[in-house]
Amino acid sequence: SVAVAAGSHVDVSVSLESDLAAAELGPKLREALGAVLAIDERRIAVLSASRRASLSVSLRVLAKTSADASALKAQAAGSAEGLQAALSSLGVAATVAGVQATTKEEAREPDAGGGAD
């Protein structure tokens, strides 16, 4: 069995400029993010891909622990250049405009204050 802390994950939102369909970009970004974070891409899920004001893809990275989540969040937040390079190497015509990463701890109670550190 794999030890995964309940609910530790990092949500990554990538905004892009591309003529490709949002649905096409999701799987490619998943592959690129796996490469950049040096993790198995099976730990990454595409939550949504949409084109509103801009093209945006949301992904969720499963973390093993909350410490792992923090490390992955920091890596993902600074991954714009790496993602750009990874997408280019995959032959994807897209420009990464920005990356946001947030850590989510799914607490049992809605307002479990503090104590996690």
PDB file of N, CA and C in Angstrom:
ATOM      1  N   SER A   1       0.841  -1.197   0.000  1.00  0.00           N
ATOM      2  CA  SER A   1       0.000   0.000   0.000  1.00  0.00           C
ATOM      3  C   SER A   1       0.873   1.242   0.000  1.00  0.00           C
ATOM      4  N   VAL A   2       0.416   2.271  -0.662  1.00  0.00           N
ATOM      5  CA  VAL A   2       1.162   3.525  -0.739  1.00  0.00           C
ATOM      6  C   VAL A   2       0.689   4.444   0.377  1.00  0.00           C
ATOM      7  N   ALA A   3       1.618   4.992   1.127  1.00  0.00           N
ATOM      8  CA  ALA A   3       1.261   5.897   2.218  1.00  0.00           C
ATOM      9  C   ALA A   3       1.019   7.286   1.660  1.00  0.00           C
ATOM     10  N   VAL A   4      -0.227   7.650   1.550  1.00  0.00           N
ATOM     11  CA  VAL A   4      -0.572   8.991   1.097  1.00  0.00           C
ATOM     12  C   VAL A   4      -1.400   9.648   2.188  1.00  0.00           C
ATOM     13  N   ALA A   5      -0.937  10.790   2.677  1.00  0.00           N
ATOM     14  CA  ALA A   5      -1.677  11.509   3.703  1.00  0.00           C
ATOM     15  C   ALA A   5      -3.026  11.908   3.125  1.00  0.00           C
ATOM     16  N   ALA A   6      -4.069  11.685   3.879  1.00  0.00           N
ATOM     17  CA  ALA A   6      -5.415  11.972   3.395  1.00  0.00           C
ATOM     18  C   ALA A   6      -5.532  13.408   2.906  1.00  0.00           C
ATOM     19  N   GLY A   7      -5.843  13.536   1.626  1.00  0.00           N
ATOM     20  CA  GLY A   7      -6.164  14.845   1.103  1.00  0.00           C
ATOM     21  C   GLY A   7      -5.014  15.800   0.838  1.00  0.00           C
ATOM     22  N   SER A   8      -3.752  15.365   0.975  1.00  0.00           N
ATOM     23  CA  SER A   8      -2.653  16.281   0.661  1.00  0.00           C
ATOM     24  C   SER A   8      -2.496  16.382  -0.847  1.00  0.00           C
ATOM     25  N   HIS A   9      -2.708  17.565  -1.363  1.00  0.00           N
ATOM     26  CA  HIS A   9      -2.490  17.752  -2.793  1.00  0.00           C
ATOM     27  C   HIS A   9      -2.223  19.214  -3.108  1.00  0.00           C
ATOM     28  N   VAL A  10      -1.716  19.411  -4.309  1.00  0.00           N
ATOM     29  CA  VAL A  10      -1.409  20.758  -4.772  1.00  0.00           C
ATOM     30  C   VAL A  10      -2.238  21.014  -6.017  1.00  0.00           C
ATOM     31  N   ASP A  11      -2.983  22.101  -6.023  1.00  0.00           N
ATOM     32  CA  ASP A  11      -3.728  22.480  -7.213  1.00  0.00           C
ATOM     33  C   ASP A  11      -2.891  23.473  -8.006  1.00  0.00           C
ATOM     34  N   VAL A  12      -2.716  23.176  -9.286  1.00  0.00           N
ATOM     35  CA  VAL A  12      -1.894  23.999 -10.160  1.00  0.00           C
ATOM     36  C   VAL A  12      -2.770  24.539 -11.283  1.00  0.00           C
ATOM     37  N   SER A  13      -2.754  25.847 -11.440  1.00  0.00           N
ATOM     38  CA  SER A  13      -3.530  26.475 -12.505  1.00  0.00           C
ATOM     39  C   SER A  13      -2.562  27.131 -13.475  1.00  0.00           C
ATOM     40  N   VAL A  14      -2.663  26.749 -14.740  1.00  0.00           N
ATOM     41  CA  VAL A  14      -1.748  27.267 -15.764  1.00  0.00           C
ATOM     42  C   VAL A  14      -2.539  28.069 -16.782  1.00  0.00           C
ATOM     43  N   SER A  15      -2.139  29.301 -17.007  1.00  0.00           N
ATOM     44  CA  SER A  15      -2.785  30.090 -18.061  1.00  0.00           C
ATOM     45  C   SER A  15      -1.855  30.109 -19.267  1.00  0.00           C
ATOM     46  N   LEU A  16      -2.448  29.968 -20.435  1.00  0.00           N
ATOM     47  CA  LEU A  16      -1.663  29.811 -21.654  1.00  0.00           C
ATOM     48  C   LEU A  16      -2.227  30.638 -22.787  1.00  0.00           C
ATOM     49  N   GLU A  17      -1.394  30.792 -23.802  1.00  0.00           N
ATOM     50  CA  GLU A  17      -1.839  31.357 -25.068  1.00  0.00           C
ATOM     51  C   GLU A  17      -1.560  30.291 -26.113  1.00  0.00           C
ATOM     52  N   SER A  18      -2.629  29.861 -26.799  1.00  0.00           N
ATOM     53  CA  SER A  18      -2.470  28.813 -27.791  1.00  0.00           C
ATOM     54  C   SER A  18      -3.690  28.770 -28.687  1.00  0.00           C
ATOM     55  N   ASP A  19      -3.493  28.274 -29.900  1.00  0.00           N
ATOM     56  CA  ASP A  19      -4.625  28.086 -30.811  1.00  0.00           C
ATOM     57  C   ASP A  19      -5.221  26.701 -30.627  1.00  0.00           C
ATOM     58  N   LEU A  20      -4.572  25.874 -29.821  1.00  0.00           N
ATOM     59  CA  LEU A  20      -5.080  24.527 -29.592  1.00  0.00           C
ATOM     60  C   LEU A  20      -6.331  24.571 -28.724  1.00  0.00           C
ATOM     61  N   ALA A  21      -7.141  23.529 -28.838  1.00  0.00           N
ATOM     62  CA  ALA A  21      -8.331  23.420 -27.998  1.00  0.00           C
ATOM     63  C   ALA A  21      -7.893  23.155 -26.562  1.00  0.00           C
ATOM     64  N   ALA A  22      -8.645  23.707 -25.614  1.00  0.00           N
ATOM     65  CA  ALA A  22      -8.328  23.518 -24.192  1.00  0.00           C
ATOM     66  C   ALA A  22      -8.257  22.032 -23.856  1.00  0.00           C
ATOM     67  N   ALA A  23      -9.179  21.250 -24.392  1.00  0.00           N
ATOM     68  CA  ALA A  23      -9.227  19.816 -24.098  1.00  0.00           C
ATOM     69  C   ALA A  23      -7.966  19.093 -24.572  1.00  0.00           C
ATOM     70  N   GLU A  24      -7.370  19.581 -25.653  1.00  0.00           N
ATOM     71  CA  GLU A  24      -6.142  18.974 -26.166  1.00  0.00           C
ATOM     72  C   GLU A  24      -4.954  19.275 -25.260  1.00  0.00           C
ATOM     73  N   LEU A  25      -4.982  20.482 -24.675  1.00  0.00           N
ATOM     74  CA  LEU A  25      -3.847  20.914 -23.868  1.00  0.00           C
ATOM     75  C   LEU A  25      -3.764  20.228 -22.514  1.00  0.00           C
ATOM     76  N   GLY A  26      -4.903  19.833 -21.954  1.00  0.00           N
ATOM     77  CA  GLY A  26      -4.918  19.202 -20.630  1.00  0.00           C
ATOM     78  C   GLY A  26      -3.934  18.050 -20.493  1.00  0.00           C
ATOM     79  N   PRO A  27      -4.088  17.013 -21.339  1.00  0.00           N
ATOM     80  CA  PRO A  27      -3.186  15.856 -21.240  1.00  0.00           C
ATOM     81  C   PRO A  27      -1.719  16.207 -21.481  1.00  0.00           C
ATOM     82  N   LYS A  28      -1.480  17.164 -22.389  1.00  0.00           N
ATOM     83  CA  LYS A  28      -0.098  17.565 -22.677  1.00  0.00           C
ATOM     84  C   LYS A  28       0.520  18.278 -21.472  1.00  0.00           C
ATOM     85  N   LEU A  29      -0.278  19.129 -20.833  1.00  0.00           N
ATOM     86  CA  LEU A  29       0.223  19.835 -19.652  1.00  0.00           C
ATOM     87  C   LEU A  29       0.462  18.861 -18.514  1.00  0.00           C
ATOM     88  N   ARG A  30      -0.384  17.854 -18.398  1.00  0.00           N
ATOM     89  CA  ARG A  30      -0.210  16.826 -17.369  1.00  0.00           C
ATOM     90  C   ARG A  30       1.151  16.140 -17.550  1.00  0.00           C
ATOM     91  N   GLU A  31       1.442  15.806 -18.805  1.00  0.00           N
ATOM     92  CA  GLU A  31       2.725  15.158 -19.126  1.00  0.00           C
ATOM     93  C   GLU A  31       3.887  16.108 -18.846  1.00  0.00           C
ATOM     94  N   ALA A  32       3.728  17.367 -19.246  1.00  0.00           N
ATOM     95  CA  ALA A  32       4.784  18.362 -19.047  1.00  0.00           C
ATOM     96  C   ALA A  32       5.032  18.610 -17.555  1.00  0.00           C
ATOM     97  N   LEU A  33       3.945  18.710 -16.780  1.00  0.00           N
ATOM     98  CA  LEU A  33       4.086  18.958 -15.343  1.00  0.00           C
ATOM     99  C   LEU A  33       4.764  17.778 -14.650  1.00  0.00           C
ATOM    100  N   GLY A  34       4.421  16.579 -15.065  1.00  0.00           N
ATOM    101  CA  GLY A  34       5.072  15.387 -14.508  1.00  0.00           C
ATOM    102  C   GLY A  34       6.571  15.423 -14.753  1.00  0.00           C
ATOM    103  N   ALA A  35       6.939  15.853 -15.969  1.00  0.00           N
ATOM    104  CA  ALA A  35       8.360  15.936 -16.324  1.00  0.00           C
ATOM    105  C   ALA A  35       9.066  17.004 -15.504  1.00  0.00           C
ATOM    106  N   VAL A  36       8.417  18.171 -15.373  1.00  0.00           N
ATOM    107  CA  VAL A  36       9.027  19.286 -14.650  1.00  0.00           C
ATOM    108  C   VAL A  36       9.173  18.983 -13.154  1.00  0.00           C
ATOM    109  N   LEU A  37       8.159  18.343 -12.578  1.00  0.00           N
ATOM    110  CA  LEU A  37       8.206  18.024 -11.143  1.00  0.00           C
ATOM    111  C   LEU A  37       8.941  16.710 -10.866  1.00  0.00           C
ATOM    112  N   ALA A  38       9.299  16.014 -11.943  1.00  0.00           N
ATOM    113  CA  ALA A  38       9.994  14.721 -11.831  1.00  0.00           C
ATOM    114  C   ALA A  38       9.195  13.731 -10.985  1.00  0.00           C
ATOM    115  N   ILE A  39       7.884  13.666 -11.270  1.00  0.00           N
ATOM    116  CA  ILE A  39       7.036  12.695 -10.584  1.00  0.00           C
ATOM    117  C   ILE A  39       6.234  11.912 -11.620  1.00  0.00           C
ATOM    118  N   ASP A  40       5.708  10.777 -11.201  1.00  0.00           N
ATOM    119  CA  ASP A  40       4.879   9.943 -12.057  1.00  0.00           C
ATOM    120  C   ASP A  40       3.626  10.732 -12.423  1.00  0.00           C
ATOM    121  N   GLU A  41       3.344  10.856 -13.716  1.00  0.00           N
ATOM    122  CA  GLU A  41       2.198  11.671 -14.103  1.00  0.00           C
ATOM    123  C   GLU A  41       0.863  11.044 -13.687  1.00  0.00           C
ATOM    124  N   ARG A  42       0.884   9.799 -13.239  1.00  0.00           N
ATOM    125  CA  ARG A  42      -0.354   9.200 -12.705  1.00  0.00           C
ATOM    126  C   ARG A  42      -0.769   9.887 -11.407  1.00  0.00           C
ATOM    127  N   ARG A  43       0.143  10.663 -10.798  1.00  0.00           N
ATOM    128  CA  ARG A  43      -0.188  11.425  -9.590  1.00  0.00           C
ATOM    129  C   ARG A  43      -0.822  12.769  -9.927  1.00  0.00           C
ATOM    130  N   ILE A  44      -0.984  13.035 -11.233  1.00  0.00           N
ATOM    131  CA  ILE A  44      -1.534  14.317 -11.670  1.00  0.00           C
ATOM    132  C   ILE A  44      -2.859  14.103 -12.386  1.00  0.00           C
ATOM    133  N   ALA A  45      -3.860  14.849 -11.995  1.00  0.00           N
ATOM    134  CA  ALA A  45      -5.158  14.784 -12.655  1.00  0.00           C
ATOM    135  C   ALA A  45      -5.474  16.138 -13.279  1.00  0.00           C
ATOM    136  N   VAL A  46      -6.079  16.104 -14.459  1.00  0.00           N
ATOM    137  CA  VAL A  46      -6.544  17.336 -15.075  1.00  0.00           C
ATOM    138  C   VAL A  46      -7.942  17.608 -14.526  1.00  0.00           C
ATOM    139  N   LEU A  47      -8.099  18.707 -13.803  1.00  0.00           N
ATOM    140  CA  LEU A  47      -9.396  19.038 -13.216  1.00  0.00           C
ATOM    141  C   LEU A  47     -10.301  19.717 -14.234  1.00  0.00           C
ATOM    142  N   SER A  48      -9.743  20.650 -14.977  1.00  0.00           N
ATOM    143  CA  SER A  48     -10.541  21.348 -15.978  1.00  0.00           C
ATOM    144  C   SER A  48      -9.640  22.031 -16.984  1.00  0.00           C
ATOM    145  N   ALA A  49     -10.189  22.244 -18.149  1.00  0.00           N
ATOM    146  CA  ALA A  49      -9.483  22.989 -19.186  1.00  0.00           C
ATOM    147  C   ALA A  49     -10.539  23.846 -19.861  1.00  0.00           C
ATOM    148  N   SER A  50     -10.339  25.147 -19.861  1.00  0.00           N
ATOM    149  CA  SER A  50     -11.362  26.019 -20.420  1.00  0.00           C
ATOM    150  C   SER A  50     -10.752  27.219 -21.113  1.00  0.00           C
ATOM    151  N   ARG A  51     -11.533  27.806 -21.976  1.00  0.00           N
ATOM    152  CA  ARG A  51     -11.110  29.019 -22.662  1.00  0.00           C
ATOM    153  C   ARG A  51     -12.175  30.066 -22.388  1.00  0.00           C
ATOM    154  N   ARG A  52     -11.871  30.979 -21.460  1.00  0.00           N
ATOM    155  CA  ARG A  52     -12.798  32.075 -21.202  1.00  0.00           C
ATOM    156  C   ARG A  52     -12.091  33.343 -21.661  1.00  0.00           C
ATOM    157  N   ALA A  53     -11.665  34.192 -20.742  1.00  0.00           N
ATOM    158  CA  ALA A  53     -10.879  35.363 -21.140  1.00  0.00           C
ATOM    159  C   ALA A  53      -9.560  34.872 -21.728  1.00  0.00           C
ATOM    160  N   SER A  54      -9.009  33.837 -21.090  1.00  0.00           N
ATOM    161  CA  SER A  54      -7.790  33.230 -21.614  1.00  0.00           C
ATOM    162  C   SER A  54      -7.912  31.722 -21.471  1.00  0.00           C
ATOM    163  N   LEU A  55      -6.948  31.032 -21.999  1.00  0.00           N
ATOM    164  CA  LEU A  55      -6.924  29.580 -21.934  1.00  0.00           C
ATOM    165  C   LEU A  55      -6.353  29.184 -20.585  1.00  0.00           C
ATOM    166  N   SER A  56      -7.065  28.319 -19.866  1.00  0.00           N
ATOM    167  CA  SER A  56      -6.635  27.949 -18.525  1.00  0.00           C
ATOM    168  C   SER A  56      -6.817  26.463 -18.288  1.00  0.00           C
ATOM    169  N   VAL A  57      -5.805  25.830 -17.709  1.00  0.00           N
ATOM    170  CA  VAL A  57      -5.891  24.407 -17.375  1.00  0.00           C
ATOM    171  C   VAL A  57      -5.595  24.249 -15.895  1.00  0.00           C
ATOM    172  N   SER A  58      -6.471  23.547 -15.195  1.00  0.00           N
ATOM    173  CA  SER A  58      -6.263  23.277 -13.770  1.00  0.00           C
ATOM    174  C   SER A  58      -5.900  21.813 -13.596  1.00  0.00           C
ATOM    175  N   LEU A  59      -4.859  21.589 -12.808  1.00  0.00           N
ATOM    176  CA  LEU A  59      -4.409  20.227 -12.550  1.00  0.00           C
ATOM    177  C   LEU A  59      -4.281  20.021 -11.053  1.00  0.00           C
ATOM    178  N   ARG A  60      -4.359  18.769 -10.623  1.00  0.00           N
ATOM    179  CA  ARG A  60      -4.181  18.451  -9.210  1.00  0.00           C
ATOM    180  C   ARG A  60      -3.068  17.414  -9.093  1.00  0.00           C
ATOM    181  N   VAL A  61      -2.104  17.731  -8.241  1.00  0.00           N
ATOM    182  CA  VAL A  61      -0.974  16.826  -8.019  1.00  0.00           C
ATOM    183  C   VAL A  61      -1.155  16.180  -6.647  1.00  0.00           C
ATOM    184  N   LEU A  62      -1.207  14.866  -6.611  1.00  0.00           N
ATOM    185  CA  LEU A  62      -1.326  14.165  -5.336  1.00  0.00           C
ATOM    186  C   LEU A  62       0.024  14.152  -4.639  1.00  0.00           C
ATOM    187  N   ALA A  63       0.027  14.543  -3.388  1.00  0.00           N
ATOM    188  CA  ALA A  63       1.260  14.576  -2.604  1.00  0.00           C
ATOM    189  C   ALA A  63       1.263  13.415  -1.627  1.00  0.00           C
ATOM    190  N   LYS A  64       2.459  12.950  -1.263  1.00  0.00           N
ATOM    191  CA  LYS A  64       2.564  11.831  -0.329  1.00  0.00           C
ATOM    192  C   LYS A  64       2.341  12.294   1.106  1.00  0.00           C
ATOM    193  N   THR A  65       2.829  13.492   1.395  1.00  0.00           N
ATOM    194  CA  THR A  65       2.706  14.047   2.750  1.00  0.00           C
ATOM    195  C   THR A  65       2.476  15.542   2.618  1.00  0.00           C
ATOM    196  N   SER A  66       2.179  16.208   3.721  1.00  0.00           N
ATOM    197  CA  SER A  66       2.001  17.663   3.622  1.00  0.00           C
ATOM    198  C   SER A  66       3.337  18.347   3.314  1.00  0.00           C
ATOM    199  N   ALA A  67       4.444  17.760   3.766  1.00  0.00           N
ATOM    200  CA  ALA A  67       5.769  18.320   3.445  1.00  0.00           C
ATOM    201  C   ALA A  67       6.033  18.181   1.944  1.00  0.00           C
ATOM    202  N   ASP A  68       5.655  17.031   1.403  1.00  0.00           N
ATOM    203  CA  ASP A  68       5.784  16.779  -0.031  1.00  0.00           C
ATOM    204  C   ASP A  68       4.924  17.792  -0.792  1.00  0.00           C
ATOM    205  N   ALA A  69       3.728  18.061  -0.279  1.00  0.00           N
ATOM    206  CA  ALA A  69       2.825  19.015  -0.915  1.00  0.00           C
ATOM    207  C   ALA A  69       3.459  20.399  -0.957  1.00  0.00           C
ATOM    208  N   SER A  70       4.080  20.809   0.149  1.00  0.00           N
ATOM    209  CA  SER A  70       4.734  22.122   0.204  1.00  0.00           C
ATOM    210  C   SER A  70       5.861  22.222  -0.818  1.00  0.00           C
ATOM    211  N   ALA A  71       6.652  21.157  -0.910  1.00  0.00           N
ATOM    212  CA  ALA A  71       7.766  21.137  -1.855  1.00  0.00           C
ATOM    213  C   ALA A  71       7.253  21.187  -3.298  1.00  0.00           C
ATOM    214  N   LEU A  72       6.213  20.398  -3.581  1.00  0.00           N
ATOM    215  CA  LEU A  72       5.648  20.362  -4.928  1.00  0.00           C
ATOM    216  C   LEU A  72       5.027  21.708  -5.289  1.00  0.00           C
ATOM    217  N   LYS A  73       4.396  22.348  -4.291  1.00  0.00           N
ATOM    218  CA  LYS A  73       3.786  23.659  -4.534  1.00  0.00           C
ATOM    219  C   LYS A  73       4.852  24.666  -4.950  1.00  0.00           C
ATOM    220  N   ALA A  74       5.976  24.676  -4.217  1.00  0.00           N
ATOM    221  CA  ALA A  74       7.069  25.605  -4.527  1.00  0.00           C
ATOM    222  C   ALA A  74       7.634  25.331  -5.917  1.00  0.00           C
ATOM    223  N   GLN A  75       7.810  24.038  -6.228  1.00  0.00           N
ATOM    224  CA  GLN A  75       8.339  23.667  -7.544  1.00  0.00           C
ATOM    225  C   GLN A  75       7.380  24.085  -8.647  1.00  0.00           C
ATOM    226  N   ALA A  76       6.107  23.789  -8.437  1.00  0.00           N
ATOM    227  CA  ALA A  76       5.109  24.079  -9.467  1.00  0.00           C
ATOM    228  C   ALA A  76       4.974  25.582  -9.690  1.00  0.00           C
ATOM    229  N   ALA A  77       5.004  26.347  -8.594  1.00  0.00           N
ATOM    230  CA  ALA A  77       4.839  27.797  -8.691  1.00  0.00           C
ATOM    231  C   ALA A  77       5.934  28.433  -9.539  1.00  0.00           C
ATOM    232  N   GLY A  78       7.126  27.851  -9.498  1.00  0.00           N
ATOM    233  CA  GLY A  78       8.239  28.398 -10.276  1.00  0.00           C
ATOM    234  C   GLY A  78       8.485  27.652 -11.568  1.00  0.00           C
ATOM    235  N   SER A  79       7.468  26.950 -12.074  1.00  0.00           N
ATOM    236  CA  SER A  79       7.693  26.031 -13.195  1.00  0.00           C
ATOM    237  C   SER A  79       7.347  26.582 -14.570  1.00  0.00           C
ATOM    238  N   ALA A  80       6.985  27.857 -14.667  1.00  0.00           N
ATOM    239  CA  ALA A  80       6.544  28.380 -15.969  1.00  0.00           C
ATOM    240  C   ALA A  80       7.553  28.115 -17.095  1.00  0.00           C
ATOM    241  N   GLU A  81       8.829  28.431 -16.843  1.00  0.00           N
ATOM    242  CA  GLU A  81       9.849  28.213 -17.888  1.00  0.00           C
ATOM    243  C   GLU A  81      10.023  26.738 -18.196  1.00  0.00           C
ATOM    244  N   GLY A  82      10.027  25.932 -17.131  1.00  0.00           N
ATOM    245  CA  GLY A  82      10.175  24.488 -17.325  1.00  0.00           C
ATOM    246  C   GLY A  82       9.004  23.901 -18.097  1.00  0.00           C
ATOM    247  N   LEU A  83       7.798  24.353 -17.771  1.00  0.00           N
ATOM    248  CA  LEU A  83       6.612  23.880 -18.489  1.00  0.00           C
ATOM    249  C   LEU A  83       6.669  24.298 -19.945  1.00  0.00           C
ATOM    250  N   GLN A  84       7.125  25.531 -20.175  1.00  0.00           N
ATOM    251  CA  GLN A  84       7.250  26.027 -21.546  1.00  0.00           C
ATOM    252  C   GLN A  84       8.188  25.130 -22.346  1.00  0.00           C
ATOM    253  N   ALA A  85       9.331  24.815 -21.744  1.00  0.00           N
ATOM    254  CA  ALA A  85      10.321  23.963 -22.417  1.00  0.00           C
ATOM    255  C   ALA A  85       9.772  22.560 -22.637  1.00  0.00           C
ATOM    256  N   ALA A  86       9.074  22.031 -21.619  1.00  0.00           N
ATOM    257  CA  ALA A  86       8.522  20.676 -21.730  1.00  0.00           C
ATOM    258  C   ALA A  86       7.447  20.611 -22.815  1.00  0.00           C
ATOM    259  N   LEU A  87       6.598  21.633 -22.870  1.00  0.00           N
ATOM    260  CA  LEU A  87       5.557  21.662 -23.906  1.00  0.00           C
ATOM    261  C   LEU A  87       6.187  21.756 -25.297  1.00  0.00           C
ATOM    262  N   SER A  88       7.223  22.588 -25.403  1.00  0.00           N
ATOM    263  CA  SER A  88       7.918  22.724 -26.693  1.00  0.00           C
ATOM    264  C   SER A  88       8.509  21.397 -27.121  1.00  0.00           C
ATOM    265  N   SER A  89       9.107  20.671 -26.168  1.00  0.00           N
ATOM    266  CA  SER A  89       9.727  19.397 -26.510  1.00  0.00           C
ATOM    267  C   SER A  89       8.672  18.348 -26.869  1.00  0.00           C
ATOM    268  N   LEU A  90       7.436  18.566 -26.410  1.00  0.00           N
ATOM    269  CA  LEU A  90       6.339  17.661 -26.781  1.00  0.00           C
ATOM    270  C   LEU A  90       5.699  18.090 -28.110  1.00  0.00           C
ATOM    271  N   GLY A  91       6.229  19.176 -28.676  1.00  0.00           N
ATOM    272  CA  GLY A  91       5.702  19.658 -29.946  1.00  0.00           C
ATOM    273  C   GLY A  91       4.392  20.410 -29.811  1.00  0.00           C
ATOM    274  N   VAL A  92       4.136  20.953 -28.615  1.00  0.00           N
ATOM    275  CA  VAL A  92       2.889  21.680 -28.370  1.00  0.00           C
ATOM    276  C   VAL A  92       3.110  23.174 -28.589  1.00  0.00           C
ATOM    277  N   ALA A  93       2.321  23.745 -29.489  1.00  0.00           N
ATOM    278  CA  ALA A  93       2.433  25.172 -29.765  1.00  0.00           C
ATOM    279  C   ALA A  93       1.601  25.949 -28.755  1.00  0.00           C
ATOM    280  N   ALA A  94       2.222  26.312 -27.654  1.00  0.00           N
ATOM    281  CA  ALA A  94       1.520  27.064 -26.607  1.00  0.00           C
ATOM    282  C   ALA A  94       2.528  27.899 -25.841  1.00  0.00           C
ATOM    283  N   THR A  95       2.081  29.056 -25.382  1.00  0.00           N
ATOM    284  CA  THR A  95       2.911  29.923 -24.565  1.00  0.00           C
ATOM    285  C   THR A  95       2.357  29.931 -23.147  1.00  0.00           C
ATOM    286  N   VAL A  96       3.197  29.597 -22.179  1.00  0.00           N
ATOM    287  CA  VAL A  96       2.765  29.608 -20.780  1.00  0.00           C
ATOM    288  C   VAL A  96       2.788  31.052 -20.289  1.00  0.00           C
ATOM    289  N   ALA A  97       1.610  31.558 -19.901  1.00  0.00           N
ATOM    290  CA  ALA A  97       1.506  32.946 -19.459  1.00  0.00           C
ATOM    291  C   ALA A  97       1.673  33.067 -17.952  1.00  0.00           C
ATOM    292  N   GLY A  98       1.319  32.036 -17.228  1.00  0.00           N
ATOM    293  CA  GLY A  98       1.447  32.098 -15.781  1.00  0.00           C
ATOM    294  C   GLY A  98       1.087  30.779 -15.120  1.00  0.00           C
ATOM    295  N   VAL A  99       1.626  30.581 -13.933  1.00  0.00           N
ATOM    296  CA  VAL A  99       1.349  29.367 -13.177  1.00  0.00           C
ATOM    297  C   VAL A  99       1.044  29.756 -11.737  1.00  0.00           C
ATOM    298  N   GLN A 100      -0.032  29.222 -11.188  1.00  0.00           N
ATOM    299  CA  GLN A 100      -0.351  29.431  -9.780  1.00  0.00           C
ATOM    300  C   GLN A 100      -0.470  28.065  -9.130  1.00  0.00           C
ATOM    301  N   ALA A 101       0.037  27.948  -7.918  1.00  0.00           N
ATOM    302  CA  ALA A 101      -0.058  26.677  -7.203  1.00  0.00           C
ATOM    303  C   ALA A 101      -0.549  26.929  -5.789  1.00  0.00           C
ATOM    304  N   THR A 102      -1.478  26.129  -5.345  1.00  0.00           N
ATOM    305  CA  THR A 102      -1.987  26.242  -3.981  1.00  0.00           C
ATOM    306  C   THR A 102      -2.025  24.862  -3.350  1.00  0.00           C
ATOM    307  N   THR A 103      -1.709  24.816  -2.067  1.00  0.00           N
ATOM    308  CA  THR A 103      -1.752  23.553  -1.343  1.00  0.00           C
ATOM    309  C   THR A 103      -3.114  23.428  -0.691  1.00  0.00           C
ATOM    310  N   LYS A 104      -3.678  22.238  -0.818  1.00  0.00           N
ATOM    311  CA  LYS A 104      -4.977  22.010  -0.193  1.00  0.00           C
ATOM    312  C   LYS A 104      -4.836  20.853   0.785  1.00  0.00           C
ATOM    313  N   GLU A 105      -5.267  21.090   2.001  1.00  0.00           N
ATOM    314  CA  GLU A 105      -5.347  20.018   2.978  1.00  0.00           C
ATOM    315  C   GLU A 105      -6.827  19.803   3.223  1.00  0.00           C
ATOM    316  N   GLU A 106      -7.316  18.659   2.879  1.00  0.00           N
ATOM    317  CA  GLU A 106      -8.729  18.417   3.113  1.00  0.00           C
ATOM    318  C   GLU A 106      -8.935  17.989   4.556  1.00  0.00           C
ATOM    319  N   ALA A 107      -9.241  18.973   5.374  1.00  0.00           N
ATOM    320  CA  ALA A 107      -9.420  18.716   6.801  1.00  0.00           C
ATOM    321  C   ALA A 107     -10.746  18.010   7.042  1.00  0.00           C
ATOM    322  N   ARG A 108     -10.794  17.261   8.122  1.00  0.00           N
ATOM    323  CA  ARG A 108     -12.026  16.553   8.467  1.00  0.00           C
ATOM    324  C   ARG A 108     -13.123  17.546   8.820  1.00  0.00           C
ATOM    325  N   GLU A 109     -12.805  18.539   9.678  1.00  0.00           N
ATOM    326  CA  GLU A 109     -13.800  19.572  10.014  1.00  0.00           C
ATOM    327  C   GLU A 109     -13.548  20.751   9.096  1.00  0.00           C
ATOM    328  N   PRO A 110     -14.612  21.475   8.742  1.00  0.00           N
ATOM    329  CA  PRO A 110     -14.435  22.599   7.821  1.00  0.00           C
ATOM    330  C   PRO A 110     -13.478  23.658   8.346  1.00  0.00           C
ATOM    331  N   ASP A 111     -13.514  23.964   9.642  1.00  0.00           N
ATOM    332  CA  ASP A 111     -12.639  25.002  10.191  1.00  0.00           C
ATOM    333  C   ASP A 111     -11.648  24.471  11.209  1.00  0.00           C
ATOM    334  N   ALA A 112     -10.843  23.512  10.818  1.00  0.00           N
ATOM    335  CA  ALA A 112      -9.829  23.007  11.751  1.00  0.00           C
ATOM    336  C   ALA A 112      -8.712  24.032  11.798  1.00  0.00           C
ATOM    337  N   GLY A 113      -8.674  24.862  12.819  1.00  0.00           N
ATOM    338  CA  GLY A 113      -7.706  25.948  12.873  1.00  0.00           C
ATOM    339  C   GLY A 113      -6.361  25.512  13.393  1.00  0.00           C
ATOM    340  N   GLY A 114      -5.295  25.869  12.660  1.00  0.00           N
ATOM    341  CA  GLY A 114      -3.915  25.643  13.116  1.00  0.00           C
ATOM    342  C   GLY A 114      -3.562  24.220  13.480  1.00  0.00           C
ATOM    343  N   GLY A 115      -2.464  24.080  14.185  1.00  0.00           N
ATOM    344  CA  GLY A 115      -2.026  22.775  14.695  1.00  0.00           C
ATOM    345  C   GLY A 115      -1.387  21.866  13.649  1.00  0.00           C
ATOM    346  N   ALA A 116      -1.502  22.215  12.374  1.00  0.00           N
ATOM    347  CA  ALA A 116      -0.968  21.327  11.329  1.00  0.00           C
ATOM    348  C   ALA A 116       0.549  21.369  11.273  1.00  0.00           C
ATOM    349  N   ASP A 117       1.126  22.516  11.622  1.00  0.00           N
ATOM    350  CA  ASP A 117       2.586  22.624  11.564  1.00  0.00           C
ATOM    351  C   ASP A 117       3.158  21.981  12.801  1.00  0.00           C
TER     352      ASP A 117
END
